[in-house]
Amino acid sequence: MQKKHKRLTTFTTVPYKKWLGHFERYLRVSRTLEKKHGMESGPFILGSRLCYADLVLYDCLTAIWDLGCYGRDEAERAQQFPRLCTLVRAVAAQPSLVKHGRPHAKNLSTQFGELPAFTPPADSASQLWEVTVVNEQGGVLVRQGKDTTSAAESSRLATGALVKELELAGDRLRYQCLEGSGPATGWV
């Protein structure tokens, strides 16, 4: 019991934020493509049709949230991952799941004892940003300095890149690239 409690106490949320971000991004891009091609849209991975992948994702997400691994605050979850939260609500509303509920959430305190208070990692105060611009140039122009006249980097920050905010000065952002292609750091 002590070993399990220690694991929960020292649990880091960074991999889960990244993992959830991948699914959130997939759902966002899928909705955009569905609208562009006139396809029927919906909250599920395949749009309006429930599939096995929705059930697996639902089970993973609710287990993570029920354990308090990430996102104990439902409002914060809805703000950071609105499409995932919509998918979870849509799957949870299925008649067979309404009947059975979320069985893994029933006895957490029995298995693990009282969950420890969540302590975010030291660098979690930094805002994460995703590049969503779609243009012919293939991403966002990155400059070496804060000023818009400073030298431009040779490559652009690609659409879909995930960056960590290092500094925000008005409408200018100094970032560190966490995922995706483009300069490792710079100003946009």
C-alpha atoms as a PDB file:
ATOM      1  CA  MET A   1       0.000   0.000   0.000  1.00  0.00           C
ATOM      2  CA  GLN A   2       2.827   2.436   0.848  1.00  0.00           C
ATOM      3  CA  LYS A   3       4.494   1.834  -2.533  1.00  0.00           C
ATOM      4  CA  LYS A   4       1.285   2.612  -4.459  1.00  0.00           C
ATOM      5  CA  HIS A   5       0.718   5.769  -2.441  1.00  0.00           C
ATOM      6  CA  LYS A   6       4.283   6.920  -3.140  1.00  0.00           C
ATOM      7  CA  ARG A   7       3.786   6.396  -6.889  1.00  0.00           C
ATOM      8  CA  LEU A   8       0.658   8.522  -6.831  1.00  0.00           C
ATOM      9  CA  THR A   9       2.375  11.224  -4.788  1.00  0.00           C
ATOM     10  CA  THR A  10       5.283  11.559  -7.210  1.00  0.00           C
ATOM     11  CA  PHE A  11       3.229  11.178 -10.382  1.00  0.00           C
ATOM     12  CA  THR A  12       4.071  13.645 -13.143  1.00  0.00           C
ATOM     13  CA  THR A  13       1.399  14.985 -15.487  1.00  0.00           C
ATOM     14  CA  VAL A  14       3.657  16.027 -18.359  1.00  0.00           C
ATOM     15  CA  PRO A  15       3.286  12.837 -20.467  1.00  0.00           C
ATOM     16  CA  TYR A  16      -0.474  12.876 -20.042  1.00  0.00           C
ATOM     17  CA  LYS A  17      -0.816  16.504 -21.111  1.00  0.00           C
ATOM     18  CA  LYS A  18       1.144  15.659 -24.232  1.00  0.00           C
ATOM     19  CA  TRP A  19      -0.867  12.472 -24.836  1.00  0.00           C
ATOM     20  CA  LEU A  20      -4.183  14.276 -24.363  1.00  0.00           C
ATOM     21  CA  GLY A  21      -2.943  17.045 -26.662  1.00  0.00           C
ATOM     22  CA  HIS A  22      -2.385  14.538 -29.478  1.00  0.00           C
ATOM     23  CA  PHE A  23      -5.974  13.320 -29.289  1.00  0.00           C
ATOM     24  CA  GLU A  24      -7.379  16.837 -28.930  1.00  0.00           C
ATOM     25  CA  ARG A  25      -5.439  17.910 -32.018  1.00  0.00           C
ATOM     26  CA  TYR A  26      -6.622  14.847 -33.976  1.00  0.00           C
ATOM     27  CA  LEU A  27     -10.265  15.601 -33.154  1.00  0.00           C
ATOM     28  CA  ARG A  28      -9.828  19.278 -34.094  1.00  0.00           C
ATOM     29  CA  VAL A  29      -8.241  18.454 -37.448  1.00  0.00           C
ATOM     30  CA  SER A  30     -10.864  15.756 -38.146  1.00  0.00           C
ATOM     31  CA  ARG A  31     -13.714  18.222 -37.554  1.00  0.00           C
ATOM     32  CA  THR A  32     -12.056  20.743 -39.886  1.00  0.00           C
ATOM     33  CA  LEU A  33     -11.694  18.119 -42.631  1.00  0.00           C
ATOM     34  CA  GLU A  34     -15.271  16.878 -42.140  1.00  0.00           C
ATOM     35  CA  LYS A  35     -16.601  20.402 -42.612  1.00  0.00           C
ATOM     36  CA  LYS A  36     -14.329  21.065 -45.591  1.00  0.00           C
ATOM     37  CA  HIS A  37     -15.487  17.917 -47.401  1.00  0.00           C
ATOM     38  CA  GLY A  38     -19.153  18.170 -46.388  1.00  0.00           C
ATOM     39  CA  MET A  39     -19.053  15.046 -44.249  1.00  0.00           C
ATOM     40  CA  GLU A  40     -21.367  14.435 -41.315  1.00  0.00           C
ATOM     41  CA  SER A  41     -19.719  15.780 -38.176  1.00  0.00           C
ATOM     42  CA  GLY A  42     -20.078  14.540 -34.623  1.00  0.00           C
ATOM     43  CA  PRO A  43     -18.281  14.193 -31.291  1.00  0.00           C
ATOM     44  CA  PHE A  44     -16.735  10.788 -31.989  1.00  0.00           C
ATOM     45  CA  ILE A  45     -13.455   9.788 -33.635  1.00  0.00           C
ATOM     46  CA  LEU A  46     -15.334   8.847 -36.812  1.00  0.00           C
ATOM     47  CA  GLY A  47     -17.577  11.904 -36.633  1.00  0.00           C
ATOM     48  CA  SER A  48     -21.177  10.932 -35.933  1.00  0.00           C
ATOM     49  CA  ARG A  49     -20.597   7.171 -35.554  1.00  0.00           C
ATOM     50  CA  LEU A  50     -19.518   5.559 -32.289  1.00  0.00           C
ATOM     51  CA  CYS A  51     -16.707   3.023 -32.731  1.00  0.00           C
ATOM     52  CA  TYR A  52     -14.566   0.795 -30.552  1.00  0.00           C
ATOM     53  CA  ALA A  53     -11.777   3.403 -30.484  1.00  0.00           C
ATOM     54  CA  ASP A  54     -14.192   5.864 -28.818  1.00  0.00           C
ATOM     55  CA  LEU A  55     -14.864   3.345 -26.047  1.00  0.00           C
ATOM     56  CA  VAL A  56     -11.149   2.698 -25.507  1.00  0.00           C
ATOM     57  CA  LEU A  57     -10.347   6.407 -25.438  1.00  0.00           C
ATOM     58  CA  TYR A  58     -13.291   7.015 -23.082  1.00  0.00           C
ATOM     59  CA  ASP A  59     -12.039   4.314 -20.723  1.00  0.00           C
ATOM     60  CA  CYS A  60      -8.467   5.666 -20.747  1.00  0.00           C
ATOM     61  CA  LEU A  61      -9.543   9.266 -20.205  1.00  0.00           C
ATOM     62  CA  THR A  62     -12.008   8.554 -17.416  1.00  0.00           C
ATOM     63  CA  ALA A  63      -9.463   6.311 -15.667  1.00  0.00           C
ATOM     64  CA  ILE A  64      -6.823   9.054 -15.834  1.00  0.00           C
ATOM     65  CA  TRP A  65      -9.271  11.669 -14.583  1.00  0.00           C
ATOM     66  CA  ASP A  66     -10.745   9.435 -11.865  1.00  0.00           C
ATOM     67  CA  LEU A  67      -7.283   8.625 -10.535  1.00  0.00           C
ATOM     68  CA  GLY A  68      -6.450  12.313 -10.439  1.00  0.00           C
ATOM     69  CA  CYS A  69      -3.427  11.743 -12.662  1.00  0.00           C
ATOM     70  CA  TYR A  70      -4.394  14.812 -14.623  1.00  0.00           C
ATOM     71  CA  GLY A  71      -7.238  17.248 -14.602  1.00  0.00           C
ATOM     72  CA  ARG A  72      -8.971  17.002 -11.273  1.00  0.00           C
ATOM     73  CA  ASP A  73     -10.583  20.310 -12.164  1.00  0.00           C
ATOM     74  CA  GLU A  74     -13.340  19.658 -14.697  1.00  0.00           C
ATOM     75  CA  ALA A  75     -13.493  23.299 -15.832  1.00  0.00           C
ATOM     76  CA  GLU A  76      -9.741  23.321 -16.549  1.00  0.00           C
ATOM     77  CA  ARG A  77     -10.077  20.056 -18.500  1.00  0.00           C
ATOM     78  CA  ALA A  78     -12.925  21.482 -20.570  1.00  0.00           C
ATOM     79  CA  GLN A  79     -10.887  24.582 -21.366  1.00  0.00           C
ATOM     80  CA  GLN A  80      -7.696  22.739 -22.382  1.00  0.00           C
ATOM     81  CA  PHE A  81      -9.313  19.718 -24.051  1.00  0.00           C
ATOM     82  CA  PRO A  82     -12.834  20.702 -25.152  1.00  0.00           C
ATOM     83  CA  ARG A  83     -13.142  18.077 -27.909  1.00  0.00           C
ATOM     84  CA  LEU A  84     -12.005  15.234 -25.646  1.00  0.00           C
ATOM     85  CA  CYS A  85     -14.471  16.330 -22.961  1.00  0.00           C
ATOM     86  CA  THR A  86     -17.252  16.427 -25.564  1.00  0.00           C
ATOM     87  CA  LEU A  87     -16.305  12.916 -26.726  1.00  0.00           C
ATOM     88  CA  VAL A  88     -16.328  11.621 -23.126  1.00  0.00           C
ATOM     89  CA  ARG A  89     -19.771  13.153 -22.477  1.00  0.00           C
ATOM     90  CA  ALA A  90     -21.128  11.711 -25.744  1.00  0.00           C
ATOM     91  CA  VAL A  91     -19.815   8.210 -24.998  1.00  0.00           C
ATOM     92  CA  ALA A  92     -21.040   8.411 -21.383  1.00  0.00           C
ATOM     93  CA  ALA A  93     -24.520   9.257 -22.678  1.00  0.00           C
ATOM     94  CA  GLN A  94     -24.761   5.938 -24.565  1.00  0.00           C
ATOM     95  CA  PRO A  95     -27.590   3.889 -22.978  1.00  0.00           C
ATOM     96  CA  SER A  96     -25.415   0.850 -22.153  1.00  0.00           C
ATOM     97  CA  LEU A  97     -22.825   3.029 -20.367  1.00  0.00           C
ATOM     98  CA  VAL A  98     -25.480   4.984 -18.488  1.00  0.00           C
ATOM     99  CA  LYS A  99     -26.643   1.621 -17.127  1.00  0.00           C
ATOM    100  CA  HIS A 100     -23.161   0.414 -16.067  1.00  0.00           C
ATOM    101  CA  GLY A 101     -21.414   3.698 -15.270  1.00  0.00           C
ATOM    102  CA  ARG A 102     -17.660   3.847 -14.711  1.00  0.00           C
ATOM    103  CA  PRO A 103     -16.780   0.777 -12.643  1.00  0.00           C
ATOM    104  CA  HIS A 104     -13.086   1.630 -12.312  1.00  0.00           C
ATOM    105  CA  ALA A 105     -14.037   4.819 -10.445  1.00  0.00           C
ATOM    106  CA  LYS A 106     -15.999   3.043  -7.701  1.00  0.00           C
ATOM    107  CA  ASN A 107     -13.317   1.821  -5.310  1.00  0.00           C
ATOM    108  CA  LEU A 108     -10.307   4.067  -5.808  1.00  0.00           C
ATOM    109  CA  SER A 109     -10.077   5.096  -2.180  1.00  0.00           C
ATOM    110  CA  THR A 110     -10.342   1.437  -1.140  1.00  0.00           C
ATOM    111  CA  GLN A 111      -7.474   0.459  -3.445  1.00  0.00           C
ATOM    112  CA  PHE A 112      -5.179   3.459  -2.996  1.00  0.00           C
ATOM    113  CA  GLY A 113      -6.304   5.236   0.142  1.00  0.00           C
ATOM    114  CA  GLU A 114      -7.036   8.954   0.017  1.00  0.00           C
ATOM    115  CA  LEU A 115      -5.480  10.495  -3.079  1.00  0.00           C
ATOM    116  CA  PRO A 116      -2.715  12.990  -2.265  1.00  0.00           C
ATOM    117  CA  ALA A 117      -3.130  16.646  -3.125  1.00  0.00           C
ATOM    118  CA  PHE A 118      -1.989  17.410  -6.634  1.00  0.00           C
ATOM    119  CA  THR A 119       1.272  19.350  -6.859  1.00  0.00           C
ATOM    120  CA  PRO A 120       1.967  20.606 -10.372  1.00  0.00           C
ATOM    121  CA  PRO A 121       5.512  20.371 -11.724  1.00  0.00           C
ATOM    122  CA  ALA A 122       7.618  23.486 -11.177  1.00  0.00           C
ATOM    123  CA  ASP A 123       7.475  24.522 -14.836  1.00  0.00           C
ATOM    124  CA  SER A 124       3.749  23.868 -15.298  1.00  0.00           C
ATOM    125  CA  ALA A 125       2.903  27.569 -14.993  1.00  0.00           C
ATOM    126  CA  SER A 126       4.110  28.019 -18.572  1.00  0.00           C
ATOM    127  CA  GLN A 127       1.360  28.229 -21.131  1.00  0.00           C
ATOM    128  CA  LEU A 128       1.432  25.728 -23.991  1.00  0.00           C
ATOM    129  CA  TRP A 129       0.487  26.908 -27.475  1.00  0.00           C
ATOM    130  CA  GLU A 130      -0.289  25.010 -30.647  1.00  0.00           C
ATOM    131  CA  VAL A 131       0.391  26.447 -34.097  1.00  0.00           C
ATOM    132  CA  THR A 132      -2.954  26.330 -35.903  1.00  0.00           C
ATOM    133  CA  VAL A 133      -2.285  28.636 -38.837  1.00  0.00           C
ATOM    134  CA  VAL A 134      -2.661  26.992 -42.242  1.00  0.00           C
ATOM    135  CA  ASN A 135      -1.041  28.893 -45.094  1.00  0.00           C
ATOM    136  CA  GLU A 136       0.872  28.374 -48.310  1.00  0.00           C
ATOM    137  CA  GLN A 137       4.213  29.029 -46.572  1.00  0.00           C
ATOM    138  CA  GLY A 138       3.678  26.042 -44.271  1.00  0.00           C
ATOM    139  CA  GLY A 139       3.661  27.704 -40.872  1.00  0.00           C
ATOM    140  CA  VAL A 140       4.525  30.771 -38.850  1.00  0.00           C
ATOM    141  CA  LEU A 141       7.462  33.081 -39.494  1.00  0.00           C
ATOM    142  CA  VAL A 142       9.929  32.970 -36.581  1.00  0.00           C
ATOM    143  CA  ARG A 143      12.185  35.895 -35.721  1.00  0.00           C
ATOM    144  CA  GLN A 144      15.414  35.836 -33.723  1.00  0.00           C
ATOM    145  CA  GLY A 145      14.447  38.842 -31.600  1.00  0.00           C
ATOM    146  CA  LYS A 146      11.336  40.371 -30.082  1.00  0.00           C
ATOM    147  CA  ASP A 147      11.182  43.187 -32.631  1.00  0.00           C
ATOM    148  CA  THR A 148       9.222  42.462 -35.830  1.00  0.00           C
ATOM    149  CA  THR A 149      12.142  43.828 -37.851  1.00  0.00           C
ATOM    150  CA  SER A 150      14.686  41.438 -36.331  1.00  0.00           C
ATOM    151  CA  ALA A 151      16.224  38.728 -38.530  1.00  0.00           C
ATOM    152  CA  ALA A 152      13.928  35.891 -39.540  1.00  0.00           C
ATOM    153  CA  GLU A 153      14.889  32.264 -38.960  1.00  0.00           C
ATOM    154  CA  SER A 154      15.528  30.167 -42.079  1.00  0.00           C
ATOM    155  CA  SER A 155      12.632  27.796 -41.327  1.00  0.00           C
ATOM    156  CA  ARG A 156       9.079  28.350 -40.122  1.00  0.00           C
ATOM    157  CA  LEU A 157       7.286  26.918 -37.124  1.00  0.00           C
ATOM    158  CA  ALA A 158       5.071  24.268 -38.719  1.00  0.00           C
ATOM    159  CA  THR A 159       1.328  23.948 -38.351  1.00  0.00           C
ATOM    160  CA  GLY A 160       0.583  21.528 -35.506  1.00  0.00           C
ATOM    161  CA  ALA A 161       3.771  22.322 -33.559  1.00  0.00           C
ATOM    162  CA  LEU A 162       3.372  22.491 -29.786  1.00  0.00           C
ATOM    163  CA  VAL A 163       5.379  25.229 -28.067  1.00  0.00           C
ATOM    164  CA  LYS A 164       5.941  26.356 -24.491  1.00  0.00           C
ATOM    165  CA  GLU A 165       5.621  30.040 -23.707  1.00  0.00           C
ATOM    166  CA  LEU A 166       8.872  31.464 -22.366  1.00  0.00           C
ATOM    167  CA  GLU A 167       7.890  35.130 -22.519  1.00  0.00           C
ATOM    168  CA  LEU A 168       4.861  37.070 -23.685  1.00  0.00           C
ATOM    169  CA  ALA A 169       5.376  40.709 -24.661  1.00  0.00           C
ATOM    170  CA  GLY A 170       2.201  42.273 -26.038  1.00  0.00           C
ATOM    171  CA  ASP A 171       1.290  40.188 -29.064  1.00  0.00           C
ATOM    172  CA  ARG A 172       4.804  38.692 -29.376  1.00  0.00           C
ATOM    173  CA  LEU A 173       5.635  35.272 -27.971  1.00  0.00           C
ATOM    174  CA  ARG A 174       9.072  33.828 -27.226  1.00  0.00           C
ATOM    175  CA  TYR A 175       8.743  30.075 -27.270  1.00  0.00           C
ATOM    176  CA  GLN A 176      10.511  26.733 -26.919  1.00  0.00           C
ATOM    177  CA  CYS A 177       9.383  24.080 -29.401  1.00  0.00           C
ATOM    178  CA  LEU A 178       8.280  20.902 -27.604  1.00  0.00           C
ATOM    179  CA  GLU A 179       6.856  18.997 -30.542  1.00  0.00           C
ATOM    180  CA  GLY A 180       6.714  19.470 -34.298  1.00  0.00           C
ATOM    181  CA  SER A 181       9.093  21.028 -36.759  1.00  0.00           C
ATOM    182  CA  GLY A 182      10.644  24.466 -36.866  1.00  0.00           C
ATOM    183  CA  PRO A 183      13.254  26.461 -34.953  1.00  0.00           C
ATOM    184  CA  ALA A 184      13.810  25.181 -31.396  1.00  0.00           C
ATOM    185  CA  THR A 185      13.266  28.669 -29.968  1.00  0.00           C
ATOM    186  CA  GLY A 186      12.434  32.124 -31.247  1.00  0.00           C
ATOM    187  CA  TRP A 187       9.823  34.878 -31.402  1.00  0.00           C
ATOM    188  CA  VAL A 188       6.482  34.773 -33.199  1.00  0.00           C
END
